[in-house]
C-alpha atoms as a PDB file:
ATOM      1  CA  MET A   1      -0.137  30.908  -2.492  1.00  0.00           C
ATOM      2  CA  ILE A   2      -0.335  30.385   1.356  1.00  0.00           C
ATOM      3  CA  ALA A   3       0.310  26.842   2.246  1.00  0.00           C
ATOM      4  CA  PRO A   4      -1.720  25.296   5.103  1.00  0.00           C
ATOM      5  CA  ARG A   5       0.212  24.523   8.290  1.00  0.00           C
ATOM      6  CA  LEU A   6      -0.050  21.761  10.791  1.00  0.00           C
ATOM      7  CA  MET A   7       1.131  22.093  14.403  1.00  0.00           C
ATOM      8  CA  ILE A   8       2.855  19.381  16.410  1.00  0.00           C
ATOM      9  CA  LEU A   9       3.208  20.027  19.994  1.00  0.00           C
ATOM     10  CA  ALA A  10       6.100  18.788  22.170  1.00  0.00           C
ATOM     11  CA  GLY A  11       5.320  19.193  25.696  1.00  0.00           C
ATOM     12  CA  GLY A  12       7.056  19.070  28.948  1.00  0.00           C
ATOM     13  CA  LEU A  13      10.726  19.629  28.440  1.00  0.00           C
ATOM     14  CA  MET A  14      12.212  19.478  31.717  1.00  0.00           C
ATOM     15  CA  PHE A  15      15.730  20.890  32.675  1.00  0.00           C
ATOM     16  CA  ALA A  16      17.438  21.652  35.973  1.00  0.00           C
ATOM     17  CA  GLY A  17      19.463  24.843  36.632  1.00  0.00           C
ATOM     18  CA  ALA A  18      19.642  27.825  34.437  1.00  0.00           C
ATOM     19  CA  ALA A  19      17.032  30.381  33.326  1.00  0.00           C
ATOM     20  CA  GLN A  20      14.561  29.683  30.609  1.00  0.00           C
ATOM     21  CA  ALA A  21      15.849  32.468  28.589  1.00  0.00           C
ATOM     22  CA  GLU A  22      18.981  30.415  27.923  1.00  0.00           C
ATOM     23  CA  CYS A  23      17.089  27.542  26.252  1.00  0.00           C
ATOM     24  CA  ARG A  24      18.382  26.953  22.697  1.00  0.00           C
ATOM     25  CA  LEU A  25      18.158  24.224  20.132  1.00  0.00           C
ATOM     26  CA  SER A  26      21.523  23.421  18.905  1.00  0.00           C
ATOM     27  CA  SER A  27      20.304  21.167  16.130  1.00  0.00           C
ATOM     28  CA  PHE A  28      17.092  20.081  14.600  1.00  0.00           C
ATOM     29  CA  ARG A  29      16.638  17.760  11.506  1.00  0.00           C
ATOM     30  CA  VAL A  30      14.753  14.650  10.220  1.00  0.00           C
ATOM     31  CA  ALA A  31      17.159  11.789  10.165  1.00  0.00           C
ATOM     32  CA  ASN A  32      18.661  11.287   6.645  1.00  0.00           C
ATOM     33  CA  GLY A  33      16.390  14.057   5.281  1.00  0.00           C
ATOM     34  CA  GLU A  34      13.814  11.522   4.019  1.00  0.00           C
ATOM     35  CA  VAL A  35      11.195   9.293   5.279  1.00  0.00           C
ATOM     36  CA  PHE A  36      10.951   6.077   3.154  1.00  0.00           C
ATOM     37  CA  ALA A  37       8.128   3.559   3.044  1.00  0.00           C
ATOM     38  CA  GLN A  38       6.565   0.928   0.854  1.00  0.00           C
ATOM     39  CA  TYR A  39       2.818   0.316   0.224  1.00  0.00           C
ATOM     40  CA  ASP A  40       0.876  -2.702  -1.169  1.00  0.00           C
ATOM     41  CA  PRO A  41      -2.584  -1.647  -2.400  1.00  0.00           C
ATOM     42  CA  PHE A  42      -4.139  -5.188  -1.556  1.00  0.00           C
ATOM     43  CA  GLU A  43      -2.637  -5.550   1.848  1.00  0.00           C
ATOM     44  CA  ALA A  44      -5.292  -5.450   4.676  1.00  0.00           C
ATOM     45  CA  SER A  45      -3.087  -3.214   6.720  1.00  0.00           C
ATOM     46  CA  SER A  46       0.395  -1.496   6.626  1.00  0.00           C
ATOM     47  CA  SER A  47       2.819  -0.895   9.356  1.00  0.00           C
ATOM     48  CA  PRO A  48       3.335   2.805  10.213  1.00  0.00           C
ATOM     49  CA  THR A  49       6.774   4.383   9.530  1.00  0.00           C
ATOM     50  CA  ALA A  50       8.479   6.321  12.302  1.00  0.00           C
ATOM     51  CA  VAL A  51       9.503  10.072  11.444  1.00  0.00           C
ATOM     52  CA  ASP A  52      12.877  10.185  13.127  1.00  0.00           C
ATOM     53  CA  LEU A  53      13.315  13.707  14.487  1.00  0.00           C
ATOM     54  CA  ASP A  54      16.964  14.309  15.311  1.00  0.00           C
ATOM     55  CA  SER A  55      17.253  17.149  17.587  1.00  0.00           C
ATOM     56  CA  SER A  56      19.189  18.442  20.509  1.00  0.00           C
ATOM     57  CA  GLY A  57      19.049  21.584  22.832  1.00  0.00           C
ATOM     58  CA  SER A  58      21.099  23.121  25.563  1.00  0.00           C
ATOM     59  CA  THR A  59      20.809  21.922  29.262  1.00  0.00           C
ATOM     60  CA  ASP A  60      19.870  25.417  30.305  1.00  0.00           C
ATOM     61  CA  CYS A  61      16.128  25.120  29.771  1.00  0.00           C
ATOM     62  CA  ARG A  62      13.580  24.628  32.535  1.00  0.00           C
ATOM     63  CA  ASN A  63       9.756  23.891  31.934  1.00  0.00           C
ATOM     64  CA  ASP A  64       9.934  24.794  28.439  1.00  0.00           C
ATOM     65  CA  ARG A  65       8.389  23.222  25.284  1.00  0.00           C
ATOM     66  CA  VAL A  66       9.248  22.848  21.622  1.00  0.00           C
ATOM     67  CA  ARG A  67       6.400  23.555  19.234  1.00  0.00           C
ATOM     68  CA  ILE A  68       6.949  21.836  15.860  1.00  0.00           C
ATOM     69  CA  THR A  69       5.104  23.186  12.731  1.00  0.00           C
ATOM     70  CA  LEU A  70       4.903  21.268   9.523  1.00  0.00           C
ATOM     71  CA  GLU A  71       4.385  23.142   6.415  1.00  0.00           C
ATOM     72  CA  ALA A  72       3.981  21.800   2.762  1.00  0.00           C
ATOM     73  CA  ASP A  73       5.151  23.523  -0.334  1.00  0.00           C
ATOM     74  CA  PRO A  74       2.377  24.269  -2.835  1.00  0.00           C
ATOM     75  CA  SER A  75       2.945  21.080  -4.594  1.00  0.00           C
ATOM     76  CA  THR A  76       2.187  18.942  -1.548  1.00  0.00           C
ATOM     77  CA  PRO A  77      -1.207  19.887  -0.278  1.00  0.00           C
ATOM     78  CA  PHE A  78      -2.607  18.583   2.955  1.00  0.00           C
ATOM     79  CA  ALA A  79      -5.589  19.044   5.228  1.00  0.00           C
ATOM     80  CA  LEU A  80      -5.845  20.112   8.751  1.00  0.00           C
ATOM     81  CA  ASP A  81      -6.590  16.516   9.724  1.00  0.00           C
ATOM     82  CA  GLY A  82      -3.081  15.585   8.854  1.00  0.00           C
ATOM     83  CA  THR A  83      -3.969  14.100   5.433  1.00  0.00           C
ATOM     84  CA  ILE A  84      -1.109  14.524   2.850  1.00  0.00           C
ATOM     85  CA  GLN A  85      -1.214  14.003  -0.808  1.00  0.00           C
ATOM     86  CA  LEU A  86       1.800  11.945  -1.985  1.00  0.00           C
ATOM     87  CA  ARG A  87       2.056  12.300  -5.829  1.00  0.00           C
ATOM     88  CA  SER A  88       3.429  10.131  -8.620  1.00  0.00           C
ATOM     89  CA  GLY A  89       2.766  11.996 -11.885  1.00  0.00           C
ATOM     90  CA  GLY A  90      -1.018  12.430 -11.810  1.00  0.00           C
ATOM     91  CA  ASP A  91      -1.720   9.734  -9.384  1.00  0.00           C
ATOM     92  CA  ILE A  92      -2.278  10.405  -5.688  1.00  0.00           C
ATOM     93  CA  LEU A  93      -1.593   8.272  -2.516  1.00  0.00           C
ATOM     94  CA  GLN A  94      -3.067   9.687   0.671  1.00  0.00           C
ATOM     95  CA  ALA A  95      -0.965   9.501   3.852  1.00  0.00           C
ATOM     96  CA  ARG A  96      -1.249  10.872   7.497  1.00  0.00           C
ATOM     97  CA  LEU A  97       0.926  12.012  10.250  1.00  0.00           C
ATOM     98  CA  GLY A  98       0.151  11.074  13.787  1.00  0.00           C
ATOM     99  CA  ASP A  99       0.161   8.052  15.999  1.00  0.00           C
ATOM    100  CA  SER A 100       0.218   4.503  14.664  1.00  0.00           C
ATOM    101  CA  ASN A 101      -3.400   5.173  13.425  1.00  0.00           C
ATOM    102  CA  GLY A 102      -2.689   8.566  11.990  1.00  0.00           C
ATOM    103  CA  ARG A 103      -4.530  10.305  14.749  1.00  0.00           C
ATOM    104  CA  PRO A 104      -3.200  13.160  17.066  1.00  0.00           C
ATOM    105  CA  THR A 105      -0.910  11.928  19.806  1.00  0.00           C
ATOM    106  CA  ASN A 106      -1.009  14.962  22.158  1.00  0.00           C
ATOM    107  CA  SER A 107      -4.219  15.495  23.941  1.00  0.00           C
ATOM    108  CA  LEU A 108      -3.087  18.912  25.025  1.00  0.00           C
ATOM    109  CA  PHE A 109      -3.322  20.135  21.481  1.00  0.00           C
ATOM    110  CA  SER A 110      -6.500  20.635  19.461  1.00  0.00           C
ATOM    111  CA  SER A 111      -8.015  17.545  17.997  1.00  0.00           C
ATOM    112  CA  GLY A 112      -7.570  16.855  14.184  1.00  0.00           C
ATOM    113  CA  THR A 113      -3.975  17.950  14.244  1.00  0.00           C
ATOM    114  CA  PRO A 114      -0.994  15.370  14.123  1.00  0.00           C
ATOM    115  CA  SER A 115       1.156  15.815  17.131  1.00  0.00           C
ATOM    116  CA  ALA A 116       4.225  14.237  18.913  1.00  0.00           C
ATOM    117  CA  LEU A 117       5.798  14.484  22.248  1.00  0.00           C
ATOM    118  CA  LEU A 118       9.507  15.203  22.301  1.00  0.00           C
ATOM    119  CA  ARG A 119      11.432  14.855  25.475  1.00  0.00           C
ATOM    120  CA  PHE A 120      14.912  16.316  26.295  1.00  0.00           C
ATOM    121  CA  GLY A 121      17.352  13.931  27.989  1.00  0.00           C
ATOM    122  CA  ALA A 122      19.891  14.931  30.654  1.00  0.00           C
ATOM    123  CA  SER A 123      22.340  15.782  27.816  1.00  0.00           C
ATOM    124  CA  GLY A 124      19.908  17.896  26.005  1.00  0.00           C
ATOM    125  CA  ASP A 125      19.073  15.442  23.233  1.00  0.00           C
ATOM    126  CA  VAL A 126      15.580  15.400  21.837  1.00  0.00           C
ATOM    127  CA  ARG A 127      14.116  12.096  21.016  1.00  0.00           C
ATOM    128  CA  GLU A 128      11.007  11.569  18.756  1.00  0.00           C
ATOM    129  CA  GLY A 129       7.810  10.437  20.507  1.00  0.00           C
ATOM    130  CA  ASP A 130       5.011   8.917  18.564  1.00  0.00           C
ATOM    131  CA  LEU A 131       5.019  10.607  15.371  1.00  0.00           C
ATOM    132  CA  LYS A 132       4.340   8.159  12.531  1.00  0.00           C
ATOM    133  CA  LEU A 133       3.638   8.167   8.737  1.00  0.00           C
ATOM    134  CA  VAL A 134       0.460   6.237   8.234  1.00  0.00           C
ATOM    135  CA  LEU A 135      -0.657   4.946   4.775  1.00  0.00           C
ATOM    136  CA  PRO A 136      -4.355   3.991   4.946  1.00  0.00           C
ATOM    137  CA  PRO A 137      -5.205   0.493   3.415  1.00  0.00           C
ATOM    138  CA  GLY A 138      -7.337  -0.055   0.326  1.00  0.00           C
ATOM    139  CA  GLN A 139      -5.918   2.677  -1.952  1.00  0.00           C
ATOM    140  CA  ARG A 140      -6.022   1.221  -5.521  1.00  0.00           C
ATOM    141  CA  VAL A 141      -3.263   3.203  -6.806  1.00  0.00           C
ATOM    142  CA  PRO A 142      -0.818   2.193  -9.765  1.00  0.00           C
ATOM    143  CA  PRO A 143       2.876   1.322  -9.298  1.00  0.00           C
ATOM    144  CA  GLY A 144       5.169   4.301  -8.812  1.00  0.00           C
ATOM    145  CA  ILE A 145       7.215   6.402  -6.309  1.00  0.00           C
ATOM    146  CA  TYR A 146       4.926   8.719  -4.430  1.00  0.00           C
ATOM    147  CA  THR A 147       6.581  11.777  -3.004  1.00  0.00           C
ATOM    148  CA  ALA A 148       5.835  14.885  -0.916  1.00  0.00           C
ATOM    149  CA  ARG A 149       8.158  17.614   0.505  1.00  0.00           C
ATOM    150  CA  LEU A 150       7.574  19.104   3.864  1.00  0.00           C
ATOM    151  CA  VAL A 151       9.402  21.764   6.024  1.00  0.00           C
ATOM    152  CA  ALA A 152       9.371  21.317   9.860  1.00  0.00           C
ATOM    153  CA  THR A 153      10.007  24.278  12.096  1.00  0.00           C
ATOM    154  CA  ALA A 154      10.827  23.845  15.770  1.00  0.00           C
ATOM    155  CA  GLN A 155      10.346  26.832  18.156  1.00  0.00           C
ATOM    156  CA  VAL A 156      11.214  27.043  21.820  1.00  0.00           C
ATOM    157  CA  ILE A 157       8.237  28.070  23.852  1.00  0.00           C
ATOM    158  CA  GLY A 158       8.758  29.132  27.442  1.00  0.00           C
ATOM    159  CA  ASP A 159       6.546  28.241  30.351  1.00  0.00           C
ATOM    160  CA  ASP A 160       5.229  31.815  30.388  1.00  0.00           C
ATOM    161  CA  GLY A 161       4.276  31.444  26.543  1.00  0.00           C
ATOM    162  CA  GLU A 162       7.197  33.635  25.344  1.00  0.00           C
ATOM    163  CA  ARG A 163       8.363  32.426  21.830  1.00  0.00           C
ATOM    164  CA  GLY A 164      12.205  31.878  21.439  1.00  0.00           C
ATOM    165  CA  GLN A 165      14.515  30.522  18.863  1.00  0.00           C
ATOM    166  CA  THR A 166      13.371  28.575  15.870  1.00  0.00           C
ATOM    167  CA  ARG A 167      15.056  26.172  13.610  1.00  0.00           C
ATOM    168  CA  GLU A 168      13.866  24.648  10.192  1.00  0.00           C
ATOM    169  CA  ALA A 169      14.436  21.271   8.635  1.00  0.00           C
ATOM    170  CA  SER A 170      13.276  20.344   5.135  1.00  0.00           C
ATOM    171  CA  PHE A 171      12.541  16.710   4.476  1.00  0.00           C
ATOM    172  CA  GLY A 172      10.994  14.392   1.990  1.00  0.00           C
ATOM    173  CA  ILE A 173       8.459  11.441   2.106  1.00  0.00           C
ATOM    174  CA  SER A 174       8.959   8.798  -0.475  1.00  0.00           C
ATOM    175  CA  VAL A 175       6.610   5.852  -0.826  1.00  0.00           C
ATOM    176  CA  THR A 176       7.234   3.025  -3.242  1.00  0.00           C
ATOM    177  CA  VAL A 177       4.069   1.178  -4.692  1.00  0.00           C
ATOM    178  CA  ARG A 178       5.197  -1.922  -6.466  1.00  0.00           C
ATOM    179  CA  PRO A 179       3.163  -3.823  -9.134  1.00  0.00           C
ATOM    180  CA  ALA A 180       0.768  -5.996  -7.156  1.00  0.00           C
ATOM    181  CA  VAL A 181      -1.393  -8.917  -8.470  1.00  0.00           C
ATOM    182  CA  GLY A 182      -3.414 -11.737  -7.117  1.00  0.00           C
ATOM    183  CA  LEU A 183      -6.272 -14.329  -7.708  1.00  0.00           C
ATOM    184  CA  ALA A 184      -9.443 -15.089  -5.557  1.00  0.00           C
ATOM    185  CA  ALA A 185     -11.270 -18.271  -6.440  1.00  0.00           C
ATOM    186  CA  GLY A 186     -15.075 -18.388  -6.461  1.00  0.00           C
ATOM    187  CA  THR A 187     -17.206 -20.664  -4.349  1.00  0.00           C
ATOM    188  CA  ASP A 188     -17.466 -23.467  -7.092  1.00  0.00           C
ATOM    189  CA  THR A 189     -14.203 -24.440  -8.708  1.00  0.00           C
ATOM    190  CA  THR A 190     -15.565 -27.435 -10.633  1.00  0.00           C
ATOM    191  CA  LEU A 191     -16.615 -27.563 -14.239  1.00  0.00           C
ATOM    192  CA  ASN A 192     -19.156 -30.462 -14.751  1.00  0.00           C
ATOM    193  CA  LEU A 193     -19.598 -31.409 -18.362  1.00  0.00           C
ATOM    194  CA  GLY A 194     -22.091 -34.060 -17.610  1.00  0.00           C
ATOM    195  CA  VAL A 195     -22.370 -36.893 -20.374  1.00  0.00           C
ATOM    196  CA  LEU A 196     -19.779 -36.066 -23.118  1.00  0.00           C
ATOM    197  CA  HIS A 197     -20.639 -35.468 -26.736  1.00  0.00           C
ATOM    198  CA  ASP A 198     -19.094 -33.490 -29.508  1.00  0.00           C
ATOM    199  CA  GLY A 199     -18.887 -29.778 -28.380  1.00  0.00           C
ATOM    200  CA  SER A 200     -19.637 -30.573 -24.865  1.00  0.00           C
ATOM    201  CA  THR A 201     -19.224 -27.616 -22.437  1.00  0.00           C
ATOM    202  CA  ALA A 202     -20.128 -26.839 -18.915  1.00  0.00           C
ATOM    203  CA  SER A 203     -23.477 -25.014 -18.246  1.00  0.00           C
ATOM    204  CA  ASP A 204     -21.911 -23.125 -15.510  1.00  0.00           C
ATOM    205  CA  PRO A 205     -18.370 -21.675 -16.066  1.00  0.00           C
ATOM    206  CA  VAL A 206     -15.983 -21.219 -12.978  1.00  0.00           C
ATOM    207  CA  ARG A 207     -15.704 -17.662 -11.865  1.00  0.00           C
ATOM    208  CA  PHE A 208     -12.769 -16.035 -10.254  1.00  0.00           C
ATOM    209  CA  LEU A 209     -11.340 -12.488  -9.370  1.00  0.00           C
ATOM    210  CA  ALA A 210      -8.097 -11.126 -10.619  1.00  0.00           C
ATOM    211  CA  TYR A 211      -6.960  -8.068  -8.712  1.00  0.00           C
ATOM    212  CA  ALA A 212      -4.147  -5.774  -9.870  1.00  0.00           C
ATOM    213  CA  ASN A 213      -2.898  -2.203  -9.858  1.00  0.00           C
ATOM    214  CA  THR A 214      -1.309  -2.656 -13.226  1.00  0.00           C
ATOM    215  CA  GLY A 215      -1.974  -4.645 -16.435  1.00  0.00           C
ATOM    216  CA  TYR A 216      -1.581  -8.392 -16.044  1.00  0.00           C
ATOM    217  CA  ASN A 217      -1.303 -11.858 -17.823  1.00  0.00           C
ATOM    218  CA  LEU A 218      -3.361 -14.802 -17.118  1.00  0.00           C
ATOM    219  CA  ARG A 219      -1.758 -18.155 -18.107  1.00  0.00           C
ATOM    220  CA  LEU A 220      -3.573 -21.517 -17.999  1.00  0.00           C
ATOM    221  CA  THR A 221      -1.808 -24.846 -17.538  1.00  0.00           C
ATOM    222  CA  SER A 222      -3.285 -28.358 -17.053  1.00  0.00           C
ATOM    223  CA  ASP A 223      -2.051 -31.468 -15.301  1.00  0.00           C
ATOM    224  CA  HIS A 224      -2.573 -33.595 -18.453  1.00  0.00           C
ATOM    225  CA  ASP A 225      -1.847 -30.896 -21.213  1.00  0.00           C
ATOM    226  CA  PHE A 226      -5.606 -29.989 -21.699  1.00  0.00           C
ATOM    227  CA  ALA A 227      -6.853 -33.582 -21.826  1.00  0.00           C
ATOM    228  CA  MET A 228      -9.280 -35.354 -19.418  1.00  0.00           C
ATOM    229  CA  THR A 229      -7.952 -38.785 -18.460  1.00  0.00           C
ATOM    230  CA  LEU A 230      -9.824 -41.713 -17.118  1.00  0.00           C
ATOM    231  CA  ASP A 231     -10.208 -41.220 -13.344  1.00  0.00           C
ATOM    232  CA  GLY A 232      -7.687 -38.538 -13.616  1.00  0.00           C
ATOM    233  CA  ARG A 233      -4.744 -40.878 -13.753  1.00  0.00           C
ATOM    234  CA  ASN A 234      -1.687 -41.008 -16.086  1.00  0.00           C
ATOM    235  CA  ASN A 235      -1.389 -43.560 -18.897  1.00  0.00           C
ATOM    236  CA  THR A 236      -5.085 -43.985 -19.280  1.00  0.00           C
ATOM    237  CA  PRO A 237      -7.487 -43.085 -22.215  1.00  0.00           C
ATOM    238  CA  ARG A 238      -7.539 -39.220 -22.809  1.00  0.00           C
ATOM    239  CA  ILE A 239     -10.262 -36.861 -24.088  1.00  0.00           C
ATOM    240  CA  GLY A 240      -8.735 -33.568 -25.346  1.00  0.00           C
ATOM    241  CA  TYR A 241     -10.463 -30.289 -24.681  1.00  0.00           C
ATOM    242  CA  VAL A 242      -9.978 -26.586 -25.423  1.00  0.00           C
ATOM    243  CA  PRO A 243      -9.875 -24.171 -22.450  1.00  0.00           C
ATOM    244  CA  VAL A 244     -12.104 -21.077 -22.888  1.00  0.00           C
ATOM    245  CA  LEU A 245     -11.391 -17.854 -20.962  1.00  0.00           C
ATOM    246  CA  ASP A 246     -14.073 -15.141 -20.908  1.00  0.00           C
ATOM    247  CA  ARG A 247     -15.785 -17.028 -23.796  1.00  0.00           C
ATOM    248  CA  HIS A 248     -12.514 -16.947 -25.920  1.00  0.00           C
ATOM    249  CA  ASP A 249     -10.525 -20.153 -26.886  1.00  0.00           C
ATOM    250  CA  VAL A 250      -7.082 -20.047 -25.389  1.00  0.00           C
ATOM    251  CA  GLU A 251      -4.387 -21.423 -27.561  1.00  0.00           C
ATOM    252  CA  GLN A 252      -2.510 -24.217 -25.986  1.00  0.00           C
ATOM    253  CA  GLY A 253       1.170 -23.312 -25.209  1.00  0.00           C
ATOM    254  CA  ALA A 254       0.301 -19.618 -25.383  1.00  0.00           C
ATOM    255  CA  PRO A 255       2.367 -17.463 -22.995  1.00  0.00           C
ATOM    256  CA  GLY A 256      -0.576 -15.887 -21.501  1.00  0.00           C
ATOM    257  CA  VAL A 257      -3.699 -13.570 -22.241  1.00  0.00           C
ATOM    258  CA  ALA A 258      -3.045 -10.006 -21.494  1.00  0.00           C
ATOM    259  CA  PHE A 259      -5.425  -7.692 -19.801  1.00  0.00           C
ATOM    260  CA  GLY A 260      -5.246  -3.983 -18.990  1.00  0.00           C
ATOM    261  CA  GLU A 261      -5.360  -2.466 -15.350  1.00  0.00           C
ATOM    262  CA  PRO A 262      -8.819  -3.115 -13.836  1.00  0.00           C
ATOM    263  CA  GLY A 263      -9.539   0.396 -12.949  1.00  0.00           C
ATOM    264  CA  SER A 264     -10.483   2.031  -9.723  1.00  0.00           C
ATOM    265  CA  SER A 265     -12.133  -1.134  -8.419  1.00  0.00           C
ATOM    266  CA  GLY A 266      -8.862  -3.063  -8.516  1.00  0.00           C
ATOM    267  CA  PHE A 267     -10.240  -6.229  -9.733  1.00  0.00           C
ATOM    268  CA  ARG A 268     -11.881  -7.978 -12.652  1.00  0.00           C
ATOM    269  CA  VAL A 269     -14.193 -11.008 -12.803  1.00  0.00           C
ATOM    270  CA  HIS A 270     -13.066 -13.805 -15.128  1.00  0.00           C
ATOM    271  CA  ARG A 271     -14.854 -17.056 -16.436  1.00  0.00           C
ATOM    272  CA  ILE A 272     -13.338 -20.310 -17.296  1.00  0.00           C
ATOM    273  CA  ASN A 273     -14.942 -23.178 -19.227  1.00  0.00           C
ATOM    274  CA  VAL A 274     -13.966 -25.865 -21.530  1.00  0.00           C
ATOM    275  CA  ARG A 275     -15.105 -27.312 -24.794  1.00  0.00           C
ATOM    276  CA  VAL A 276     -14.720 -30.691 -26.130  1.00  0.00           C
ATOM    277  CA  PRO A 277     -14.441 -30.178 -30.051  1.00  0.00           C
ATOM    278  CA  GLN A 278     -14.747 -33.871 -31.018  1.00  0.00           C
ATOM    279  CA  LEU A 279     -15.392 -37.030 -28.966  1.00  0.00           C
ATOM    280  CA  ALA A 280     -13.700 -40.183 -30.183  1.00  0.00           C
ATOM    281  CA  ARG A 281     -14.747 -43.507 -28.910  1.00  0.00           C
ATOM    282  CA  ARG A 282     -13.433 -44.011 -25.400  1.00  0.00           C
ATOM    283  CA  PRO A 283     -14.071 -46.567 -22.434  1.00  0.00           C
ATOM    284  CA  ALA A 284     -16.971 -45.510 -20.162  1.00  0.00           C
ATOM    285  CA  GLY A 285     -15.893 -43.821 -16.868  1.00  0.00           C
ATOM    286  CA  LEU A 286     -15.275 -40.523 -15.100  1.00  0.00           C
ATOM    287  CA  TYR A 287     -12.646 -38.264 -17.000  1.00  0.00           C
ATOM    288  CA  ARG A 288     -10.820 -35.650 -15.105  1.00  0.00           C
ATOM    289  CA  ASP A 289      -8.207 -32.962 -15.430  1.00  0.00           C
ATOM    290  CA  PHE A 290      -6.984 -30.014 -13.171  1.00  0.00           C
ATOM    291  CA  ILE A 291      -6.417 -26.498 -14.620  1.00  0.00           C
ATOM    292  CA  THR A 292      -4.172 -24.068 -12.977  1.00  0.00           C
ATOM    293  CA  VAL A 293      -4.568 -20.205 -13.455  1.00  0.00           C
ATOM    294  CA  GLU A 294      -1.413 -18.091 -13.013  1.00  0.00           C
ATOM    295  CA  ILE A 295      -1.346 -14.302 -12.750  1.00  0.00           C
ATOM    296  CA  SER A 296       1.619 -12.088 -13.463  1.00  0.00           C
ATOM    297  CA  ALA A 297       2.105  -8.320 -13.737  1.00  0.00           C
ATOM    298  CA  ASN A 298       2.423  -6.926 -17.163  1.00  0.00           C
ATOM    299  CA  ILE A 299       4.351  -3.693 -16.427  1.00  0.00           C
ATOM    300  CA  GLY A 300       3.726  -2.412 -19.959  1.00  0.00           C
ATOM    301  CA  GLY A 301       0.009  -3.162 -19.722  1.00  0.00           C
END
């Protein structure tokens, strides 16, 4: 299998003195041999991660360039637009190499290809330019460590186009995706039971979204232990009720209701209601309580 290749052009390497034929790279590697990053599927944006190219060359070059080629092994396919497939088992996280937006950074090279400008200092050190690992937001992927393996090849290109010495550096990309959960309330967060009677329930349940990249638990708690109190105050007459989640009664004191991973959408719509089983004689007035919904990741879900 022939792996696709991406070119990264490093232009304008300026040296004083000796002939261009003497230009040599004394070292070339990716710092630490690995690029590490973290990713949250529900963040609106993620900060790009610098790819630290640690290279040095002789001070005998003049008007030369270094062309860097990225090549993936067959298990890490990527397209010519710079998109890389990071894998965790059968799950895929898309990544890009380029500037802070994942776009090519060197206008001298063909569009659609990630590129970086490397500059030699007076001592011959090469410092990375604007080569970044970018993880596009909105990818609803499950938790895991997503990896890819690449080989970077650096080749000296003379100002006359003559190709010189090459060096290779193998490096990995490792992105950790942690369990992520959250809640988003609907527009109406009040359950109105009207005039109470045995079996009272609200005609319109409260809707909310649970979003997660894994299984999760929903836990309901109440300010007054699932009882409405007169004017919502403590030490006043109480009317007990049963919380209802998605048309199912929730047992008081239960550790939570388990749900599986929502799927590719990343979210699930839930509905909360309450039911008053039996109404005992109580003083007239407005009875209130406040329910809190908590979500937690269920790693085994």
